[in-house]
């Protein structure tokens, strides 16, 4: 992946992380341990009274962006400014299929 594309994806991941925080979601980048036979991906979850989005910090930027967009799906984003690229990603994650 080119450096320019990687930089762009990292900026999108940061923008989507900030949008999640403004919605009251806690975004955590953790080292997710893997065992033979399964692939841990991360995503949205609820732990006690906290809504979390867990991202594997070793995951590719494109995968982090995908998980963040999926986690924001279904939240009311009308009051938040998102760049056109970020808005398209969240809207695409909301489409069935």
PDB file of N, CA and C in Angstrom:
ATOM      1  N   UNK A   1       0.856  -1.173   0.000  1.00  0.00           N
ATOM      2  CA  UNK A   1       0.000   0.000   0.000  1.00  0.00           C
ATOM      3  C   UNK A   1       0.900   1.233   0.000  1.00  0.00           C
ATOM      4  N   UNK A   2       0.555   2.219  -0.792  1.00  0.00           N
ATOM      5  CA  UNK A   2       1.382   3.421  -0.886  1.00  0.00           C
ATOM      6  C   UNK A   2       1.301   4.226   0.407  1.00  0.00           C
ATOM      7  N   UNK A   3       2.350   5.002   0.649  1.00  0.00           N
ATOM      8  CA  UNK A   3       2.374   5.836   1.854  1.00  0.00           C
ATOM      9  C   UNK A   3       1.233   6.836   1.867  1.00  0.00           C
ATOM     10  N   UNK A   4       0.892   7.391   0.694  1.00  0.00           N
ATOM     11  CA  UNK A   4      -0.185   8.364   0.609  1.00  0.00           C
ATOM     12  C   UNK A   4      -1.526   7.730   1.001  1.00  0.00           C
ATOM     13  N   UNK A   5      -1.786   6.532   0.504  1.00  0.00           N
ATOM     14  CA  UNK A   5      -3.036   5.851   0.830  1.00  0.00           C
ATOM     15  C   UNK A   5      -3.067   5.468   2.308  1.00  0.00           C
ATOM     16  N   UNK A   6      -1.944   5.008   2.839  1.00  0.00           N
ATOM     17  CA  UNK A   6      -1.872   4.657   4.255  1.00  0.00           C
ATOM     18  C   UNK A   6      -2.134   5.882   5.122  1.00  0.00           C
ATOM     19  N   UNK A   7      -1.535   7.012   4.770  1.00  0.00           N
ATOM     20  CA  UNK A   7      -1.749   8.251   5.516  1.00  0.00           C
ATOM     21  C   UNK A   7      -3.213   8.668   5.479  1.00  0.00           C
ATOM     22  N   UNK A   8      -3.815   8.560   4.305  1.00  0.00           N
ATOM     23  CA  UNK A   8      -5.230   8.920   4.154  1.00  0.00           C
ATOM     24  C   UNK A   8      -6.119   8.015   5.016  1.00  0.00           C
ATOM     25  N   UNK A   9      -5.820   6.723   5.037  1.00  0.00           N
ATOM     26  CA  UNK A   9      -6.604   5.792   5.848  1.00  0.00           C
ATOM     27  C   UNK A   9      -6.407   6.042   7.336  1.00  0.00           C
ATOM     28  N   UNK A  10      -5.191   6.373   7.745  1.00  0.00           N
ATOM     29  CA  UNK A  10      -4.955   6.693   9.152  1.00  0.00           C
ATOM     30  C   UNK A  10      -5.725   7.943   9.571  1.00  0.00           C
ATOM     31  N   UNK A  11      -5.787   8.937   8.692  1.00  0.00           N
ATOM     32  CA  UNK A  11      -6.573  10.150   8.996  1.00  0.00           C
ATOM     33  C   UNK A  11      -8.054   9.820   9.117  1.00  0.00           C
ATOM     34  N   UNK A  12      -8.558   8.958   8.219  1.00  0.00           N
ATOM     35  CA  UNK A  12      -9.963   8.542   8.300  1.00  0.00           C
ATOM     36  C   UNK A  12     -10.230   7.791   9.600  1.00  0.00           C
ATOM     37  N   UNK A  13      -9.311   6.912   9.984  1.00  0.00           N
ATOM     38  CA  UNK A  13      -9.467   6.177  11.240  1.00  0.00           C
ATOM     39  C   UNK A  13      -9.502   7.137  12.423  1.00  0.00           C
ATOM     40  N   UNK A  14      -8.635   8.138  12.422  1.00  0.00           N
ATOM     41  CA  UNK A  14      -8.635   9.138  13.496  1.00  0.00           C
ATOM     42  C   UNK A  14      -9.931   9.936  13.511  1.00  0.00           C
ATOM     43  N   UNK A  15     -10.421  10.316  12.333  1.00  0.00           N
ATOM     44  CA  UNK A  15     -11.667  11.077  12.257  1.00  0.00           C
ATOM     45  C   UNK A  15     -12.847  10.257  12.769  1.00  0.00           C
ATOM     46  N   UNK A  16     -12.921   8.992  12.367  1.00  0.00           N
ATOM     47  CA  UNK A  16     -14.014   8.140  12.820  1.00  0.00           C
ATOM     48  C   UNK A  16     -13.899   7.843  14.317  1.00  0.00           C
ATOM     49  N   UNK A  17     -12.676   7.713  14.823  1.00  0.00           N
ATOM     50  CA  UNK A  17     -12.474   7.516  16.264  1.00  0.00           C
ATOM     51  C   UNK A  17     -12.967   8.722  17.046  1.00  0.00           C
ATOM     52  N   UNK A  18     -12.655   9.908  16.551  1.00  0.00           N
ATOM     53  CA  UNK A  18     -13.100  11.132  17.220  1.00  0.00           C
ATOM     54  C   UNK A  18     -14.622  11.250  17.177  1.00  0.00           C
ATOM     55  N   UNK A  19     -15.236  10.893  16.056  1.00  0.00           N
ATOM     56  CA  UNK A  19     -16.696  10.918  15.957  1.00  0.00           C
ATOM     57  C   UNK A  19     -17.300   9.948  16.976  1.00  0.00           C
ATOM     58  N   UNK A  20     -16.707   8.778  17.121  1.00  0.00           N
ATOM     59  CA  UNK A  20     -17.201   7.802  18.094  1.00  0.00           C
ATOM     60  C   UNK A  20     -17.102   8.372  19.511  1.00  0.00           C
ATOM     61  N   UNK A  21     -15.990   9.022  19.813  1.00  0.00           N
ATOM     62  CA  UNK A  21     -15.822   9.623  21.148  1.00  0.00           C
ATOM     63  C   UNK A  21     -16.877  10.694  21.400  1.00  0.00           C
ATOM     64  N   UNK A  22     -17.171  11.495  20.383  1.00  0.00           N
ATOM     65  CA  UNK A  22     -18.191  12.541  20.553  1.00  0.00           C
ATOM     66  C   UNK A  22     -19.572  11.939  20.774  1.00  0.00           C
ATOM     67  N   UNK A  23     -19.766  10.708  20.333  1.00  0.00           N
ATOM     68  CA  UNK A  23     -21.028  10.007  20.565  1.00  0.00           C
ATOM     69  C   UNK A  23     -21.050   9.267  21.901  1.00  0.00           C
ATOM     70  N   UNK A  24     -19.949   9.346  22.637  1.00  0.00           N
ATOM     71  CA  UNK A  24     -19.887   8.700  23.939  1.00  0.00           C
ATOM     72  C   UNK A  24     -19.327   7.290  23.913  1.00  0.00           C
ATOM     73  N   UNK A  25     -18.752   6.890  22.791  1.00  0.00           N
ATOM     74  CA  UNK A  25     -18.135   5.566  22.688  1.00  0.00           C
ATOM     75  C   UNK A  25     -16.653   5.681  23.026  1.00  0.00           C
ATOM     76  N   UNK A  26     -16.138   4.720  23.741  1.00  0.00           N
ATOM     77  CA  UNK A  26     -14.714   4.702  24.069  1.00  0.00           C
ATOM     78  C   UNK A  26     -13.997   3.849  23.031  1.00  0.00           C
ATOM     79  N   UNK A  27     -13.024   4.424  22.353  1.00  0.00           N
ATOM     80  CA  UNK A  27     -12.252   3.699  21.343  1.00  0.00           C
ATOM     81  C   UNK A  27     -10.937   3.276  21.971  1.00  0.00           C
ATOM     82  N   UNK A  28     -10.683   1.967  21.922  1.00  0.00           N
ATOM     83  CA  UNK A  28      -9.453   1.437  22.508  1.00  0.00           C
ATOM     84  C   UNK A  28      -8.689   0.659  21.460  1.00  0.00           C
ATOM     85  N   UNK A  29      -7.419   0.953  21.369  1.00  0.00           N
ATOM     86  CA  UNK A  29      -6.523   0.199  20.487  1.00  0.00           C
ATOM     87  C   UNK A  29      -5.696  -0.719  21.377  1.00  0.00           C
ATOM     88  N   UNK A  30      -5.919  -2.005  21.222  1.00  0.00           N
ATOM     89  CA  UNK A  30      -5.300  -3.014  22.075  1.00  0.00           C
ATOM     90  C   UNK A  30      -4.567  -4.042  21.228  1.00  0.00           C
ATOM     91  N   UNK A  31      -3.639  -4.723  21.828  1.00  0.00           N
ATOM     92  CA  UNK A  31      -3.020  -5.864  21.169  1.00  0.00           C
ATOM     93  C   UNK A  31      -3.934  -7.050  21.451  1.00  0.00           C
ATOM     94  N   UNK A  32      -4.586  -7.527  20.418  1.00  0.00           N
ATOM     95  CA  UNK A  32      -5.499  -8.654  20.562  1.00  0.00           C
ATOM     96  C   UNK A  32      -4.703  -9.931  20.333  1.00  0.00           C
ATOM     97  N   UNK A  33      -4.699 -10.764  21.338  1.00  0.00           N
ATOM     98  CA  UNK A  33      -3.940 -12.015  21.253  1.00  0.00           C
ATOM     99  C   UNK A  33      -4.693 -12.994  20.370  1.00  0.00           C
ATOM    100  N   UNK A  34      -3.942 -13.749  19.623  1.00  0.00           N
ATOM    101  CA  UNK A  34      -4.524 -14.723  18.711  1.00  0.00           C
ATOM    102  C   UNK A  34      -4.076 -16.120  19.094  1.00  0.00           C
ATOM    103  N   UNK A  35      -4.959 -17.054  18.893  1.00  0.00           N
ATOM    104  CA  UNK A  35      -4.658 -18.469  19.075  1.00  0.00           C
ATOM    105  C   UNK A  35      -4.859 -19.155  17.739  1.00  0.00           C
ATOM    106  N   UNK A  36      -4.293 -20.308  17.597  1.00  0.00           N
ATOM    107  CA  UNK A  36      -4.487 -21.082  16.379  1.00  0.00           C
ATOM    108  C   UNK A  36      -5.960 -21.456  16.272  1.00  0.00           C
ATOM    109  N   UNK A  37      -6.524 -21.240  15.100  1.00  0.00           N
ATOM    110  CA  UNK A  37      -7.897 -21.675  14.871  1.00  0.00           C
ATOM    111  C   UNK A  37      -8.951 -20.586  14.885  1.00  0.00           C
ATOM    112  N   UNK A  38      -8.612 -19.371  15.278  1.00  0.00           N
ATOM    113  CA  UNK A  38      -9.590 -18.293  15.176  1.00  0.00           C
ATOM    114  C   UNK A  38      -8.898 -16.974  14.877  1.00  0.00           C
ATOM    115  N   UNK A  39      -9.683 -16.074  14.348  1.00  0.00           N
ATOM    116  CA  UNK A  39      -9.167 -14.755  13.976  1.00  0.00           C
ATOM    117  C   UNK A  39      -9.956 -13.699  14.739  1.00  0.00           C
ATOM    118  N   UNK A  40      -9.336 -13.031  15.669  1.00  0.00           N
ATOM    119  CA  UNK A  40      -9.980 -11.953  16.416  1.00  0.00           C
ATOM    120  C   UNK A  40      -9.932 -10.691  15.578  1.00  0.00           C
ATOM    121  N   UNK A  41     -11.021  -9.971  15.556  1.00  0.00           N
ATOM    122  CA  UNK A  41     -11.134  -8.836  14.660  1.00  0.00           C
ATOM    123  C   UNK A  41     -11.315  -7.511  15.389  1.00  0.00           C
ATOM    124  N   UNK A  42     -11.944  -7.527  16.532  1.00  0.00           N
ATOM    125  CA  UNK A  42     -12.309  -6.291  17.217  1.00  0.00           C
ATOM    126  C   UNK A  42     -13.699  -5.868  16.801  1.00  0.00           C
ATOM    127  N   UNK A  43     -14.150  -4.745  17.328  1.00  0.00           N
ATOM    128  CA  UNK A  43     -15.471  -4.229  16.990  1.00  0.00           C
ATOM    129  C   UNK A  43     -16.111  -3.567  18.189  1.00  0.00           C
ATOM    130  N   UNK A  44     -17.410  -3.310  18.074  1.00  0.00           N
ATOM    131  CA  UNK A  44     -18.160  -2.636  19.127  1.00  0.00           C
ATOM    132  C   UNK A  44     -18.643  -3.653  20.155  1.00  0.00           C
ATOM    133  N   UNK A  45     -18.638  -3.243  21.421  1.00  0.00           N
ATOM    134  CA  UNK A  45     -19.173  -4.087  22.484  1.00  0.00           C
ATOM    135  C   UNK A  45     -19.570  -3.205  23.666  1.00  0.00           C
ATOM    136  N   UNK A  46     -20.283  -3.803  24.595  1.00  0.00           N
ATOM    137  CA  UNK A  46     -20.657  -3.117  25.823  1.00  0.00           C
ATOM    138  C   UNK A  46     -20.021  -3.887  26.977  1.00  0.00           C
ATOM    139  N   UNK A  47     -19.313  -3.171  27.838  1.00  0.00           N
ATOM    140  CA  UNK A  47     -18.679  -3.765  29.006  1.00  0.00           C
ATOM    141  C   UNK A  47     -19.144  -2.983  30.220  1.00  0.00           C
ATOM    142  N   UNK A  48     -19.893  -3.655  31.062  1.00  0.00           N
ATOM    143  CA  UNK A  48     -20.535  -3.013  32.210  1.00  0.00           C
ATOM    144  C   UNK A  48     -21.351  -1.829  31.710  1.00  0.00           C
ATOM    145  N   UNK A  49     -21.027  -0.629  32.108  1.00  0.00           N
ATOM    146  CA  UNK A  49     -21.835   0.520  31.677  1.00  0.00           C
ATOM    147  C   UNK A  49     -21.147   1.336  30.584  1.00  0.00           C
ATOM    148  N   UNK A  50     -20.142   0.740  29.931  1.00  0.00           N
ATOM    149  CA  UNK A  50     -19.382   1.484  28.918  1.00  0.00           C
ATOM    150  C   UNK A  50     -19.566   0.858  27.538  1.00  0.00           C
ATOM    151  N   UNK A  51     -19.767   1.715  26.554  1.00  0.00           N
ATOM    152  CA  UNK A  51     -19.814   1.285  25.163  1.00  0.00           C
ATOM    153  C   UNK A  51     -18.417   1.458  24.578  1.00  0.00           C
ATOM    154  N   UNK A  52     -17.864   0.364  24.068  1.00  0.00           N
ATOM    155  CA  UNK A  52     -16.493   0.361  23.590  1.00  0.00           C
ATOM    156  C   UNK A  52     -16.419  -0.020  22.120  1.00  0.00           C
ATOM    157  N   UNK A  53     -15.372   0.462  21.481  1.00  0.00           N
ATOM    158  CA  UNK A  53     -14.958  -0.046  20.184  1.00  0.00           C
ATOM    159  C   UNK A  53     -13.518  -0.492  20.385  1.00  0.00           C
ATOM    160  N   UNK A  54     -13.277  -1.786  20.190  1.00  0.00           N
ATOM    161  CA  UNK A  54     -11.949  -2.352  20.368  1.00  0.00           C
ATOM    162  C   UNK A  54     -11.321  -2.541  18.995  1.00  0.00           C
ATOM    163  N   UNK A  55     -10.135  -1.990  18.811  1.00  0.00           N
ATOM    164  CA  UNK A  55      -9.375  -2.149  17.572  1.00  0.00           C
ATOM    165  C   UNK A  55      -8.060  -2.838  17.890  1.00  0.00           C
ATOM    166  N   UNK A  56      -7.684  -3.764  17.047  1.00  0.00           N
ATOM    167  CA  UNK A  56      -6.368  -4.385  17.174  1.00  0.00           C
ATOM    168  C   UNK A  56      -5.344  -3.378  16.666  1.00  0.00           C
ATOM    169  N   UNK A  57      -4.446  -2.976  17.515  1.00  0.00           N
ATOM    170  CA  UNK A  57      -3.493  -1.930  17.130  1.00  0.00           C
ATOM    171  C   UNK A  57      -2.540  -2.384  16.035  1.00  0.00           C
ATOM    172  N   UNK A  58      -2.444  -3.697  15.801  1.00  0.00           N
ATOM    173  CA  UNK A  58      -1.591  -4.204  14.737  1.00  0.00           C
ATOM    174  C   UNK A  58      -2.355  -4.439  13.436  1.00  0.00           C
ATOM    175  N   UNK A  59      -3.629  -4.118  13.440  1.00  0.00           N
ATOM    176  CA  UNK A  59      -4.479  -4.298  12.267  1.00  0.00           C
ATOM    177  C   UNK A  59      -4.172  -3.228  11.217  1.00  0.00           C
ATOM    178  N   UNK A  60      -4.335  -3.588   9.966  1.00  0.00           N
ATOM    179  CA  UNK A  60      -4.114  -2.635   8.870  1.00  0.00           C
ATOM    180  C   UNK A  60      -5.076  -1.457   8.992  1.00  0.00           C
ATOM    181  N   UNK A  61      -4.645  -0.253   8.598  1.00  0.00           N
ATOM    182  CA  UNK A  61      -5.524   0.926   8.683  1.00  0.00           C
ATOM    183  C   UNK A  61      -6.862   0.732   7.970  1.00  0.00           C
ATOM    184  N   UNK A  62      -6.868   0.069   6.832  1.00  0.00           N
ATOM    185  CA  UNK A  62      -8.121  -0.150   6.102  1.00  0.00           C
ATOM    186  C   UNK A  62      -9.098  -0.977   6.935  1.00  0.00           C
ATOM    187  N   UNK A  63      -8.600  -1.965   7.656  1.00  0.00           N
ATOM    188  CA  UNK A  63      -9.461  -2.787   8.504  1.00  0.00           C
ATOM    189  C   UNK A  63      -9.967  -1.992   9.706  1.00  0.00           C
ATOM    190  N   UNK A  64      -9.126  -1.125  10.259  1.00  0.00           N
ATOM    191  CA  UNK A  64      -9.571  -0.279  11.374  1.00  0.00           C
ATOM    192  C   UNK A  64     -10.691   0.648  10.927  1.00  0.00           C
ATOM    193  N   UNK A  65     -10.537   1.230   9.742  1.00  0.00           N
ATOM    194  CA  UNK A  65     -11.568   2.118   9.206  1.00  0.00           C
ATOM    195  C   UNK A  65     -12.877   1.348   9.022  1.00  0.00           C
ATOM    196  N   UNK A  66     -12.797   0.140   8.508  1.00  0.00           N
ATOM    197  CA  UNK A  66     -13.994  -0.678   8.297  1.00  0.00           C
ATOM    198  C   UNK A  66     -14.708  -0.975   9.620  1.00  0.00           C
ATOM    199  N   UNK A  67     -13.950  -1.340  10.644  1.00  0.00           N
ATOM    200  CA  UNK A  67     -14.556  -1.639  11.945  1.00  0.00           C
ATOM    201  C   UNK A  67     -15.187  -0.397  12.553  1.00  0.00           C
ATOM    202  N   UNK A  68     -14.509   0.738  12.469  1.00  0.00           N
ATOM    203  CA  UNK A  68     -15.061   1.984  13.006  1.00  0.00           C
ATOM    204  C   UNK A  68     -16.342   2.373  12.277  1.00  0.00           C
ATOM    205  N   UNK A  69     -16.340   2.267  10.946  1.00  0.00           N
ATOM    206  CA  UNK A  69     -17.533   2.610  10.167  1.00  0.00           C
ATOM    207  C   UNK A  69     -18.703   1.707  10.546  1.00  0.00           C
ATOM    208  N   UNK A  70     -18.445   0.415  10.701  1.00  0.00           N
ATOM    209  CA  UNK A  70     -19.499  -0.521  11.105  1.00  0.00           C
ATOM    210  C   UNK A  70     -20.019  -0.194  12.501  1.00  0.00           C
ATOM    211  N   UNK A  71     -19.119   0.179  13.407  1.00  0.00           N
ATOM    212  CA  UNK A  71     -19.526   0.494  14.782  1.00  0.00           C
ATOM    213  C   UNK A  71     -20.372   1.759  14.849  1.00  0.00           C
ATOM    214  N   UNK A  72     -20.139   2.694  13.932  1.00  0.00           N
ATOM    215  CA  UNK A  72     -20.910   3.941  13.931  1.00  0.00           C
ATOM    216  C   UNK A  72     -22.260   3.789  13.235  1.00  0.00           C
ATOM    217  N   UNK A  73     -22.408   2.718  12.484  1.00  0.00           N
ATOM    218  CA  UNK A  73     -23.672   2.465  11.789  1.00  0.00           C
ATOM    219  C   UNK A  73     -24.800   2.416  12.819  1.00  0.00           C
ATOM    220  N   UNK A  74     -25.900   3.046  12.506  1.00  0.00           N
ATOM    221  CA  UNK A  74     -27.045   3.032  13.397  1.00  0.00           C
ATOM    222  C   UNK A  74     -27.056   4.147  14.426  1.00  0.00           C
ATOM    223  N   UNK A  75     -25.940   4.841  14.591  1.00  0.00           N
ATOM    224  CA  UNK A  75     -25.905   5.986  15.502  1.00  0.00           C
ATOM    225  C   UNK A  75     -26.359   7.225  14.741  1.00  0.00           C
ATOM    226  N   UNK A  76     -26.960   8.152  15.453  1.00  0.00           N
ATOM    227  CA  UNK A  76     -27.394   9.405  14.836  1.00  0.00           C
ATOM    228  C   UNK A  76     -26.177  10.310  14.652  1.00  0.00           C
ATOM    229  N   UNK A  77     -25.758  10.455  13.409  1.00  0.00           N
ATOM    230  CA  UNK A  77     -24.570  11.251  13.091  1.00  0.00           C
ATOM    231  C   UNK A  77     -24.918  12.603  12.492  1.00  0.00           C
ATOM    232  N   UNK A  78     -26.203  12.934  12.443  1.00  0.00           N
ATOM    233  CA  UNK A  78     -26.615  14.179  11.799  1.00  0.00           C
ATOM    234  C   UNK A  78     -26.011  15.416  12.447  1.00  0.00           C
ATOM    235  N   UNK A  79     -25.816  15.389  13.750  1.00  0.00           N
ATOM    236  CA  UNK A  79     -25.296  16.565  14.455  1.00  0.00           C
ATOM    237  C   UNK A  79     -23.771  16.654  14.391  1.00  0.00           C
ATOM    238  N   UNK A  80     -23.123  15.624  13.856  1.00  0.00           N
ATOM    239  CA  UNK A  80     -21.665  15.601  13.792  1.00  0.00           C
ATOM    240  C   UNK A  80     -21.189  15.947  12.391  1.00  0.00           C
ATOM    241  N   UNK A  81     -20.113  16.723  12.330  1.00  0.00           N
ATOM    242  CA  UNK A  81     -19.498  16.946  11.018  1.00  0.00           C
ATOM    243  C   UNK A  81     -18.572  15.776  10.739  1.00  0.00           C
ATOM    244  N   UNK A  82     -18.750  15.178   9.575  1.00  0.00           N
ATOM    245  CA  UNK A  82     -17.824  14.175   9.061  1.00  0.00           C
ATOM    246  C   UNK A  82     -17.430  14.597   7.657  1.00  0.00           C
ATOM    247  N   UNK A  83     -16.192  14.367   7.317  1.00  0.00           N
ATOM    248  CA  UNK A  83     -15.756  14.672   5.955  1.00  0.00           C
ATOM    249  C   UNK A  83     -16.580  13.827   4.984  1.00  0.00           C
ATOM    250  N   UNK A  84     -16.691  14.266   3.739  1.00  0.00           N
ATOM    251  CA  UNK A  84     -17.455  13.471   2.768  1.00  0.00           C
ATOM    252  C   UNK A  84     -16.960  12.026   2.667  1.00  0.00           C
ATOM    253  N   UNK A  85     -15.653  11.811   2.731  1.00  0.00           N
ATOM    254  CA  UNK A  85     -15.122  10.445   2.635  1.00  0.00           C
ATOM    255  C   UNK A  85     -15.563   9.599   3.832  1.00  0.00           C
ATOM    256  N   UNK A  86     -15.494  10.163   5.034  1.00  0.00           N
ATOM    257  CA  UNK A  86     -15.912   9.437   6.232  1.00  0.00           C
ATOM    258  C   UNK A  86     -17.414   9.165   6.199  1.00  0.00           C
ATOM    259  N   UNK A  87     -18.190  10.141   5.769  1.00  0.00           N
ATOM    260  CA  UNK A  87     -19.652   9.964   5.687  1.00  0.00           C
ATOM    261  C   UNK A  87     -19.990   8.840   4.707  1.00  0.00           C
ATOM    262  N   UNK A  88     -19.304   8.799   3.562  1.00  0.00           N
ATOM    263  CA  UNK A  88     -19.555   7.728   2.579  1.00  0.00           C
ATOM    264  C   UNK A  88     -19.248   6.354   3.175  1.00  0.00           C
ATOM    265  N   UNK A  89     -18.163   6.253   3.928  1.00  0.00           N
ATOM    266  CA  UNK A  89     -17.803   4.966   4.535  1.00  0.00           C
ATOM    267  C   UNK A  89     -18.857   4.495   5.532  1.00  0.00           C
ATOM    268  N   UNK A  90     -19.328   5.396   6.369  1.00  0.00           N
ATOM    269  CA  UNK A  90     -20.347   5.012   7.352  1.00  0.00           C
ATOM    270  C   UNK A  90     -21.651   4.664   6.631  1.00  0.00           C
ATOM    271  N   UNK A  91     -22.006   5.441   5.637  1.00  0.00           N
ATOM    272  CA  UNK A  91     -23.234   5.140   4.881  1.00  0.00           C
ATOM    273  C   UNK A  91     -23.103   3.804   4.158  1.00  0.00           C
ATOM    274  N   UNK A  92     -21.935   3.496   3.607  1.00  0.00           N
ATOM    275  CA  UNK A  92     -21.725   2.220   2.924  1.00  0.00           C
ATOM    276  C   UNK A  92     -21.811   1.060   3.926  1.00  0.00           C
ATOM    277  N   UNK A  93     -21.335   1.267   5.140  1.00  0.00           N
ATOM    278  CA  UNK A  93     -21.414   0.213   6.168  1.00  0.00           C
ATOM    279  C   UNK A  93     -22.864  -0.026   6.577  1.00  0.00           C
ATOM    280  N   UNK A  94     -23.729   0.982   6.368  1.00  0.00           N
ATOM    281  CA  UNK A  94     -25.132   0.876   6.752  1.00  0.00           C
ATOM    282  C   UNK A  94     -25.963   0.152   5.701  1.00  0.00           C
ATOM    283  N   UNK A  95     -25.444   0.035   4.503  1.00  0.00           N
ATOM    284  CA  UNK A  95     -26.216  -0.602   3.434  1.00  0.00           C
ATOM    285  C   UNK A  95     -26.178  -2.103   3.573  1.00  0.00           C
ATOM    286  N   UNK A  96     -27.330  -2.744   3.370  1.00  0.00           N
ATOM    287  CA  UNK A  96     -27.352  -4.209   3.476  1.00  0.00           C
ATOM    288  C   UNK A  96     -26.578  -4.848   2.328  1.00  0.00           C
ATOM    289  N   UNK A  97     -26.018  -6.016   2.638  1.00  0.00           N
ATOM    290  CA  UNK A  97     -25.452  -6.805   1.591  1.00  0.00           C
ATOM    291  C   UNK A  97     -24.024  -6.762   1.401  1.00  0.00           C
TER     292      UNK A  97
END
